[in-house]
N, C-alpha and C. Protein backbone atom coordinates (compact mmCIF):
# COMPACT_ATOMS: atom_id res chain seq x y z
N MET A 1 -8.54 -16.18 4.27
CA MET A 1 -7.91 -15.10 5.00
C MET A 1 -7.84 -15.41 6.49
N VAL A 2 -8.91 -15.99 7.03
CA VAL A 2 -8.95 -16.32 8.46
C VAL A 2 -7.89 -17.37 8.76
N ALA A 3 -7.80 -18.39 7.93
CA ALA A 3 -6.81 -19.45 8.16
C ALA A 3 -5.40 -18.88 8.12
N LYS A 4 -5.13 -17.98 7.20
CA LYS A 4 -3.80 -17.35 7.11
C LYS A 4 -3.51 -16.55 8.36
N ALA A 5 -4.45 -15.73 8.79
CA ALA A 5 -4.25 -14.90 9.98
C ALA A 5 -4.03 -15.76 11.22
N LEU A 6 -4.81 -16.83 11.35
CA LEU A 6 -4.64 -17.70 12.51
C LEU A 6 -3.31 -18.45 12.45
N SER A 7 -2.86 -18.81 11.27
CA SER A 7 -1.56 -19.47 11.14
C SER A 7 -0.44 -18.55 11.61
N VAL A 8 -0.51 -17.30 11.22
CA VAL A 8 0.49 -16.33 11.66
C VAL A 8 0.43 -16.15 13.18
N ALA A 9 -0.79 -16.04 13.73
CA ALA A 9 -0.95 -15.86 15.17
C ALA A 9 -0.39 -17.05 15.94
N VAL A 10 -0.67 -18.25 15.48
CA VAL A 10 -0.17 -19.46 16.15
C VAL A 10 1.36 -19.50 16.08
N ALA A 11 1.93 -19.14 14.94
CA ALA A 11 3.39 -19.11 14.81
C ALA A 11 4.00 -18.12 15.79
N ILE A 12 3.40 -16.95 15.91
CA ILE A 12 3.92 -15.94 16.84
C ILE A 12 3.86 -16.45 18.28
N ILE A 13 2.76 -17.08 18.65
CA ILE A 13 2.64 -17.65 20.00
C ILE A 13 3.71 -18.70 20.23
N ALA A 14 3.92 -19.58 19.26
CA ALA A 14 4.94 -20.61 19.39
C ALA A 14 6.33 -19.99 19.54
N TRP A 15 6.63 -18.99 18.74
CA TRP A 15 7.94 -18.34 18.83
C TRP A 15 8.15 -17.67 20.17
N ARG A 16 7.10 -17.09 20.73
CA ARG A 16 7.21 -16.48 22.06
C ARG A 16 7.57 -17.52 23.11
N LYS A 17 7.15 -18.75 22.87
CA LYS A 17 7.45 -19.85 23.79
C LYS A 17 8.73 -20.58 23.40
N LYS A 18 9.49 -19.99 22.46
CA LYS A 18 10.75 -20.56 21.98
C LYS A 18 10.56 -21.92 21.33
N ARG A 19 9.44 -22.09 20.63
CA ARG A 19 9.15 -23.34 19.94
C ARG A 19 9.36 -23.15 18.45
N ASP A 20 9.83 -24.19 17.81
CA ASP A 20 10.01 -24.18 16.36
C ASP A 20 8.66 -24.38 15.67
N VAL A 21 8.58 -23.92 14.43
CA VAL A 21 7.33 -23.99 13.68
C VAL A 21 7.61 -24.50 12.27
N ILE A 22 6.82 -25.47 11.85
CA ILE A 22 6.75 -25.89 10.45
C ILE A 22 5.31 -25.70 10.03
N VAL A 23 5.10 -25.05 8.90
CA VAL A 23 3.75 -24.84 8.38
C VAL A 23 3.61 -25.69 7.12
N VAL A 24 2.51 -26.44 7.06
CA VAL A 24 2.20 -27.27 5.91
C VAL A 24 0.92 -26.74 5.28
N LYS A 25 0.91 -26.61 3.98
CA LYS A 25 -0.33 -26.30 3.27
C LYS A 25 -0.50 -27.38 2.20
N TYR A 26 -1.75 -27.68 1.95
CA TYR A 26 -1.99 -28.75 0.99
C TYR A 26 -3.36 -28.61 0.36
N SER A 27 -3.49 -29.23 -0.75
CA SER A 27 -4.76 -29.49 -1.42
C SER A 27 -4.52 -30.84 -2.08
N ASP A 28 -4.29 -30.84 -3.39
CA ASP A 28 -3.86 -32.09 -4.01
C ASP A 28 -2.34 -32.13 -4.12
N GLN A 29 -1.68 -31.06 -3.69
CA GLN A 29 -0.22 -30.98 -3.60
C GLN A 29 0.14 -30.60 -2.17
N TYR A 30 1.38 -30.90 -1.76
CA TYR A 30 1.80 -30.65 -0.39
C TYR A 30 3.04 -29.78 -0.39
N HIS A 31 3.04 -28.79 0.49
CA HIS A 31 4.18 -27.90 0.62
C HIS A 31 4.38 -27.60 2.10
N TYR A 32 5.62 -27.40 2.50
CA TYR A 32 5.86 -27.00 3.88
C TYR A 32 6.94 -25.93 3.92
N LYS A 33 6.95 -25.21 5.03
CA LYS A 33 7.95 -24.19 5.27
C LYS A 33 8.43 -24.37 6.70
N ASN A 34 9.73 -24.65 6.87
CA ASN A 34 10.32 -24.77 8.19
C ASN A 34 10.75 -23.37 8.62
N LEU A 35 10.05 -22.82 9.59
CA LEU A 35 10.32 -21.46 10.06
C LEU A 35 11.23 -21.45 11.29
N GLY A 36 11.48 -22.62 11.85
CA GLY A 36 12.32 -22.68 13.04
C GLY A 36 11.70 -21.88 14.17
N HIS A 37 12.53 -21.24 14.96
CA HIS A 37 12.01 -20.43 16.06
C HIS A 37 12.41 -18.96 15.95
N ASN A 38 12.67 -18.54 14.73
CA ASN A 38 13.11 -17.17 14.47
C ASN A 38 11.94 -16.30 14.03
N ARG A 39 11.58 -15.34 14.84
CA ARG A 39 10.46 -14.45 14.52
C ARG A 39 10.71 -13.64 13.26
N ASN A 40 11.95 -13.53 12.85
CA ASN A 40 12.25 -12.80 11.61
C ASN A 40 11.71 -13.53 10.38
N ASN A 41 11.27 -14.76 10.55
CA ASN A 41 10.74 -15.54 9.44
C ASN A 41 9.27 -15.23 9.16
N LEU A 42 8.72 -14.22 9.82
CA LEU A 42 7.32 -13.85 9.62
C LEU A 42 7.05 -13.44 8.18
N VAL A 43 7.99 -12.75 7.56
CA VAL A 43 7.83 -12.35 6.16
C VAL A 43 7.79 -13.59 5.27
N ASP A 44 8.67 -14.57 5.56
CA ASP A 44 8.66 -15.82 4.80
C ASP A 44 7.33 -16.55 4.96
N LEU A 45 6.79 -16.55 6.18
CA LEU A 45 5.51 -17.20 6.42
C LEU A 45 4.41 -16.53 5.62
N ALA A 46 4.35 -15.21 5.66
CA ALA A 46 3.32 -14.47 4.90
C ALA A 46 3.42 -14.76 3.41
N ARG A 47 4.63 -14.79 2.89
CA ARG A 47 4.83 -15.09 1.47
C ARG A 47 4.38 -16.52 1.15
N PHE A 48 4.77 -17.46 2.00
CA PHE A 48 4.40 -18.86 1.82
C PHE A 48 2.89 -19.03 1.82
N LEU A 49 2.20 -18.39 2.75
CA LEU A 49 0.75 -18.53 2.85
C LEU A 49 0.00 -17.81 1.73
N SER A 50 0.64 -16.84 1.11
CA SER A 50 -0.03 -16.10 0.04
C SER A 50 -0.09 -16.89 -1.26
N GLU A 51 0.73 -17.89 -1.40
CA GLU A 51 0.74 -18.74 -2.59
C GLU A 51 -0.19 -19.92 -2.35
N VAL A 52 -1.44 -19.78 -2.78
CA VAL A 52 -2.46 -20.78 -2.48
C VAL A 52 -2.76 -21.61 -3.71
N THR A 53 -2.88 -22.91 -3.50
CA THR A 53 -3.32 -23.83 -4.55
C THR A 53 -4.71 -24.30 -4.16
N MET A 54 -5.66 -24.07 -5.02
CA MET A 54 -7.03 -24.49 -4.74
C MET A 54 -7.34 -25.73 -5.57
N ALA A 55 -7.63 -26.80 -4.90
CA ALA A 55 -8.02 -28.04 -5.56
C ALA A 55 -8.65 -28.93 -4.51
N GLY A 56 -8.76 -30.20 -4.77
CA GLY A 56 -9.33 -31.11 -3.79
C GLY A 56 -8.37 -31.35 -2.64
N ASN A 57 -8.88 -31.99 -1.62
CA ASN A 57 -8.04 -32.35 -0.47
C ASN A 57 -7.64 -33.81 -0.55
N ASN A 58 -6.45 -34.09 -0.09
CA ASN A 58 -6.00 -35.48 0.01
C ASN A 58 -5.27 -35.64 1.34
N GLU A 59 -6.05 -35.76 2.41
CA GLU A 59 -5.46 -35.88 3.74
C GLU A 59 -4.65 -37.16 3.90
N ASN A 60 -5.08 -38.25 3.29
CA ASN A 60 -4.32 -39.50 3.39
C ASN A 60 -2.92 -39.31 2.84
N GLY A 61 -2.83 -38.74 1.66
CA GLY A 61 -1.52 -38.50 1.06
C GLY A 61 -0.71 -37.49 1.85
N MET A 62 -1.37 -36.45 2.35
CA MET A 62 -0.66 -35.42 3.10
C MET A 62 -0.07 -35.96 4.38
N PHE A 63 -0.86 -36.74 5.16
CA PHE A 63 -0.32 -37.28 6.41
C PHE A 63 0.81 -38.28 6.15
N ARG A 64 0.67 -39.12 5.13
CA ARG A 64 1.77 -40.04 4.80
C ARG A 64 3.02 -39.26 4.43
N TRP A 65 2.87 -38.26 3.57
CA TRP A 65 3.98 -37.41 3.16
C TRP A 65 4.62 -36.73 4.37
N LEU A 66 3.79 -36.18 5.24
CA LEU A 66 4.29 -35.47 6.41
C LEU A 66 5.10 -36.38 7.33
N PHE A 67 4.56 -37.57 7.61
CA PHE A 67 5.22 -38.44 8.58
C PHE A 67 6.30 -39.33 7.99
N GLU A 68 6.22 -39.63 6.71
CA GLU A 68 7.21 -40.52 6.10
C GLU A 68 8.33 -39.78 5.40
N GLU A 69 8.07 -38.55 4.91
CA GLU A 69 9.10 -37.82 4.18
C GLU A 69 9.61 -36.59 4.91
N VAL A 70 8.71 -35.77 5.43
CA VAL A 70 9.12 -34.50 6.05
C VAL A 70 9.64 -34.72 7.46
N LYS A 71 8.87 -35.37 8.31
CA LYS A 71 9.25 -35.51 9.72
C LYS A 71 10.61 -36.19 9.92
N PRO A 72 10.96 -37.22 9.16
CA PRO A 72 12.29 -37.82 9.35
C PRO A 72 13.45 -36.84 9.12
N MET A 73 13.21 -35.78 8.36
CA MET A 73 14.27 -34.79 8.14
C MET A 73 14.42 -33.85 9.32
N TYR A 74 13.41 -33.81 10.20
CA TYR A 74 13.40 -32.87 11.33
C TYR A 74 13.10 -33.63 12.62
N THR A 75 14.08 -34.33 13.15
CA THR A 75 13.86 -35.16 14.34
C THR A 75 13.50 -34.33 15.56
N ASP A 76 13.80 -33.04 15.56
CA ASP A 76 13.41 -32.18 16.69
C ASP A 76 11.89 -32.10 16.82
N TYR A 77 11.16 -32.48 15.79
CA TYR A 77 9.71 -32.38 15.79
C TYR A 77 9.05 -33.71 16.14
N ASN A 78 9.78 -34.67 16.69
CA ASN A 78 9.22 -35.99 16.94
C ASN A 78 7.98 -35.98 17.84
N THR A 79 7.90 -35.06 18.78
CA THR A 79 6.71 -35.00 19.64
C THR A 79 6.01 -33.65 19.51
N ALA A 80 6.14 -33.04 18.35
CA ALA A 80 5.51 -31.74 18.12
C ALA A 80 3.99 -31.85 18.14
N ASP A 81 3.35 -30.75 18.45
CA ASP A 81 1.89 -30.68 18.33
C ASP A 81 1.56 -30.28 16.91
N ILE A 82 0.42 -30.77 16.43
CA ILE A 82 -0.02 -30.44 15.07
C ILE A 82 -1.37 -29.74 15.17
N LEU A 83 -1.46 -28.58 14.54
CA LEU A 83 -2.72 -27.85 14.43
C LEU A 83 -3.14 -27.89 12.97
N CYS A 84 -4.29 -28.47 12.71
CA CYS A 84 -4.83 -28.54 11.36
C CYS A 84 -5.90 -27.47 11.24
N ILE A 85 -5.64 -26.46 10.42
CA ILE A 85 -6.62 -25.41 10.16
C ILE A 85 -7.27 -25.77 8.84
N TYR A 86 -8.57 -26.02 8.86
CA TYR A 86 -9.24 -26.50 7.66
C TYR A 86 -10.52 -25.72 7.43
N ASP A 87 -11.01 -25.75 6.20
CA ASP A 87 -12.17 -24.94 5.84
C ASP A 87 -13.43 -25.76 5.65
N PHE A 88 -13.38 -27.02 5.90
CA PHE A 88 -14.59 -27.83 5.82
C PHE A 88 -14.42 -29.06 6.67
N GLY A 89 -13.91 -30.07 6.12
CA GLY A 89 -13.68 -31.31 6.82
C GLY A 89 -12.64 -32.09 6.06
N TRP A 90 -12.38 -33.26 6.53
CA TRP A 90 -11.40 -34.10 5.86
C TRP A 90 -12.11 -35.20 5.10
N MET A 91 -11.42 -35.70 4.09
CA MET A 91 -11.92 -36.90 3.44
C MET A 91 -11.80 -38.04 4.45
N THR A 92 -12.47 -39.13 4.22
CA THR A 92 -12.36 -40.28 5.11
C THR A 92 -10.91 -40.77 5.09
N LEU A 93 -10.35 -40.92 6.27
CA LEU A 93 -8.96 -41.36 6.37
C LEU A 93 -8.88 -42.88 6.28
N SER A 94 -7.86 -43.35 5.61
CA SER A 94 -7.66 -44.79 5.47
C SER A 94 -7.18 -45.36 6.80
N GLN A 95 -7.32 -46.68 6.94
CA GLN A 95 -6.82 -47.35 8.15
C GLN A 95 -5.31 -47.16 8.28
N GLU A 96 -4.60 -47.15 7.17
CA GLU A 96 -3.16 -46.92 7.18
C GLU A 96 -2.83 -45.54 7.77
N THR A 97 -3.57 -44.52 7.33
CA THR A 97 -3.34 -43.17 7.85
C THR A 97 -3.70 -43.10 9.33
N GLU A 98 -4.81 -43.72 9.71
CA GLU A 98 -5.20 -43.75 11.13
C GLU A 98 -4.10 -44.38 11.98
N LYS A 99 -3.49 -45.46 11.48
CA LYS A 99 -2.42 -46.13 12.23
C LYS A 99 -1.20 -45.23 12.37
N ILE A 100 -0.86 -44.51 11.31
CA ILE A 100 0.28 -43.58 11.37
C ILE A 100 0.01 -42.52 12.43
N ILE A 101 -1.18 -41.95 12.43
CA ILE A 101 -1.53 -40.91 13.39
C ILE A 101 -1.54 -41.47 14.81
N GLU A 102 -2.10 -42.65 15.00
CA GLU A 102 -2.14 -43.27 16.33
C GLU A 102 -0.74 -43.54 16.85
N THR A 103 0.17 -43.98 15.98
CA THR A 103 1.56 -44.21 16.36
C THR A 103 2.19 -42.92 16.85
N GLU A 104 1.97 -41.84 16.13
CA GLU A 104 2.53 -40.54 16.52
C GLU A 104 1.93 -40.07 17.84
N LYS A 105 0.64 -40.30 18.05
CA LYS A 105 0.01 -39.92 19.30
C LYS A 105 0.61 -40.69 20.48
N GLN A 106 0.89 -41.96 20.26
CA GLN A 106 1.48 -42.77 21.33
C GLN A 106 2.88 -42.28 21.71
N LYS A 107 3.55 -41.62 20.78
CA LYS A 107 4.87 -41.04 21.05
C LYS A 107 4.76 -39.69 21.77
N GLY A 108 3.54 -39.17 21.91
CA GLY A 108 3.34 -37.91 22.61
C GLY A 108 2.85 -36.76 21.77
N MET A 109 2.67 -36.98 20.48
CA MET A 109 2.19 -35.91 19.61
C MET A 109 0.71 -35.65 19.88
N LYS A 110 0.31 -34.39 19.84
CA LYS A 110 -1.08 -34.00 20.00
C LYS A 110 -1.59 -33.41 18.69
N PHE A 111 -2.84 -33.67 18.36
CA PHE A 111 -3.47 -33.17 17.14
C PHE A 111 -4.64 -32.27 17.52
N TYR A 112 -4.66 -31.08 16.94
CA TYR A 112 -5.72 -30.11 17.18
C TYR A 112 -6.33 -29.72 15.84
N GLY A 113 -7.62 -29.51 15.82
CA GLY A 113 -8.31 -29.09 14.60
C GLY A 113 -8.97 -27.75 14.80
N LEU A 114 -8.94 -26.91 13.77
CA LEU A 114 -9.61 -25.62 13.82
C LEU A 114 -10.35 -25.42 12.50
N ASN A 115 -11.68 -25.39 12.56
CA ASN A 115 -12.51 -25.18 11.38
C ASN A 115 -12.76 -23.69 11.22
N VAL A 116 -12.48 -23.15 10.04
CA VAL A 116 -12.66 -21.72 9.79
C VAL A 116 -13.70 -21.46 8.70
N ASN A 117 -14.57 -22.41 8.44
CA ASN A 117 -15.58 -22.21 7.41
C ASN A 117 -16.65 -21.26 7.90
N SER A 118 -17.18 -20.43 7.01
CA SER A 118 -18.17 -19.44 7.41
C SER A 118 -19.56 -20.04 7.59
N ASN A 119 -19.80 -21.24 7.12
CA ASN A 119 -21.11 -21.87 7.26
C ASN A 119 -21.04 -22.93 8.34
N ASN A 120 -20.81 -22.50 9.59
CA ASN A 120 -20.55 -23.44 10.67
C ASN A 120 -21.76 -24.27 11.07
N ALA A 121 -22.99 -23.77 10.90
CA ALA A 121 -24.17 -24.58 11.22
C ALA A 121 -24.21 -25.81 10.32
N TYR A 122 -23.94 -25.61 9.03
CA TYR A 122 -23.90 -26.72 8.10
C TYR A 122 -22.76 -27.67 8.45
N ILE A 123 -21.60 -27.09 8.75
CA ILE A 123 -20.43 -27.91 9.09
C ILE A 123 -20.71 -28.76 10.31
N SER A 124 -21.33 -28.18 11.34
CA SER A 124 -21.64 -28.94 12.56
C SER A 124 -22.52 -30.14 12.25
N SER A 125 -23.52 -29.97 11.38
CA SER A 125 -24.39 -31.10 11.05
C SER A 125 -23.63 -32.17 10.28
N VAL A 126 -22.73 -31.75 9.39
CA VAL A 126 -21.93 -32.71 8.63
C VAL A 126 -21.02 -33.49 9.59
N ILE A 127 -20.39 -32.78 10.52
CA ILE A 127 -19.49 -33.43 11.49
C ILE A 127 -20.27 -34.45 12.31
N GLU A 128 -21.48 -34.08 12.76
CA GLU A 128 -22.30 -35.00 13.54
C GLU A 128 -22.66 -36.24 12.73
N MET A 129 -23.01 -36.06 11.45
CA MET A 129 -23.38 -37.19 10.60
C MET A 129 -22.18 -38.11 10.37
N GLN A 130 -20.98 -37.54 10.34
CA GLN A 130 -19.81 -38.33 10.00
C GLN A 130 -19.09 -38.90 11.21
N GLU A 131 -19.54 -38.58 12.43
CA GLU A 131 -18.83 -39.06 13.60
C GLU A 131 -18.65 -40.57 13.52
N GLY A 132 -17.47 -41.01 13.93
CA GLY A 132 -17.18 -42.42 13.92
C GLY A 132 -16.54 -42.91 12.64
N ILE A 133 -16.43 -42.07 11.62
CA ILE A 133 -15.78 -42.53 10.39
C ILE A 133 -14.55 -41.66 10.12
N ASN A 134 -13.70 -41.62 11.11
CA ASN A 134 -12.40 -40.94 11.06
C ASN A 134 -12.41 -39.54 10.44
N THR A 135 -13.15 -38.67 11.07
CA THR A 135 -13.19 -37.25 10.72
C THR A 135 -12.24 -36.52 11.66
N PRO A 136 -12.10 -35.20 11.53
CA PRO A 136 -11.28 -34.47 12.51
C PRO A 136 -11.73 -34.72 13.94
N MET A 137 -13.03 -34.92 14.15
CA MET A 137 -13.54 -35.19 15.51
C MET A 137 -12.95 -36.48 16.07
N ASP A 138 -12.67 -37.43 15.22
CA ASP A 138 -12.13 -38.70 15.69
C ASP A 138 -10.61 -38.66 15.85
N ILE A 139 -9.94 -37.92 15.00
CA ILE A 139 -8.48 -37.91 14.97
C ILE A 139 -7.89 -36.91 15.95
N CYS A 140 -8.49 -35.74 16.05
CA CYS A 140 -7.92 -34.65 16.84
C CYS A 140 -8.22 -34.82 18.33
N ASP A 141 -7.27 -34.43 19.16
CA ASP A 141 -7.45 -34.45 20.60
C ASP A 141 -8.42 -33.35 21.03
N SER A 142 -8.45 -32.28 20.27
CA SER A 142 -9.32 -31.14 20.55
C SER A 142 -9.68 -30.50 19.21
N VAL A 143 -10.95 -30.10 19.06
CA VAL A 143 -11.40 -29.46 17.82
C VAL A 143 -12.07 -28.14 18.19
N TRP A 144 -11.72 -27.10 17.44
CA TRP A 144 -12.25 -25.76 17.66
C TRP A 144 -12.91 -25.27 16.38
N MET A 145 -13.86 -24.34 16.54
CA MET A 145 -14.53 -23.75 15.40
C MET A 145 -14.42 -22.23 15.51
N TYR A 146 -14.04 -21.59 14.41
CA TYR A 146 -13.99 -20.14 14.35
C TYR A 146 -15.35 -19.65 13.90
N GLU A 147 -15.98 -18.82 14.74
CA GLU A 147 -17.32 -18.34 14.42
C GLU A 147 -17.50 -16.96 15.04
N ASP A 148 -17.97 -16.02 14.25
CA ASP A 148 -18.25 -14.66 14.72
C ASP A 148 -17.05 -14.03 15.43
N GLY A 149 -15.87 -14.24 14.89
CA GLY A 149 -14.66 -13.64 15.45
C GLY A 149 -14.12 -14.33 16.69
N GLU A 150 -14.68 -15.47 17.06
CA GLU A 150 -14.21 -16.21 18.23
C GLU A 150 -13.92 -17.65 17.86
N CYS A 151 -13.00 -18.25 18.61
CA CYS A 151 -12.75 -19.68 18.50
C CYS A 151 -13.44 -20.37 19.64
N LYS A 152 -14.28 -21.36 19.33
CA LYS A 152 -15.03 -22.09 20.34
C LYS A 152 -14.69 -23.56 20.26
N GLU A 153 -14.42 -24.16 21.39
CA GLU A 153 -14.11 -25.59 21.42
C GLU A 153 -15.39 -26.39 21.20
N ILE A 154 -15.35 -27.35 20.27
CA ILE A 154 -16.50 -28.19 20.01
C ILE A 154 -16.23 -29.65 20.37
N LYS A 155 -14.99 -29.94 20.74
CA LYS A 155 -14.64 -31.28 21.24
C LYS A 155 -13.53 -31.15 22.24
């Protein structure tokens, strides 16, 4: 619920700034919704986010899919910022995925992470243990944690 609410809030902020929005959701399958910059698409966003698939995560496949299949269809998003709202952490990213992300960063794309898991003390210890092995802390330019109704920057 928190991830959905924050996704809607971020879309509204982007629309106020006349920015286009694409929302991606994934588990072991990948789906996206191009909302453009039309605030009237809020109903479409709510409907899209309400259809949840619960399964494992495959960040390597999702990033390849996003950059090799989806992004080429939307050249206006070549230097878009990406906000990853996640509920735990990412699987270890392959060197291939890291290279794809680094290439996009060199073009001007920024990556932000937002953890919305309710067990943030546990998550913090896991993130610390995994530092250096391509976690959100390594990939994202900035990482935030949602805790007690507030977002706090942790990187």
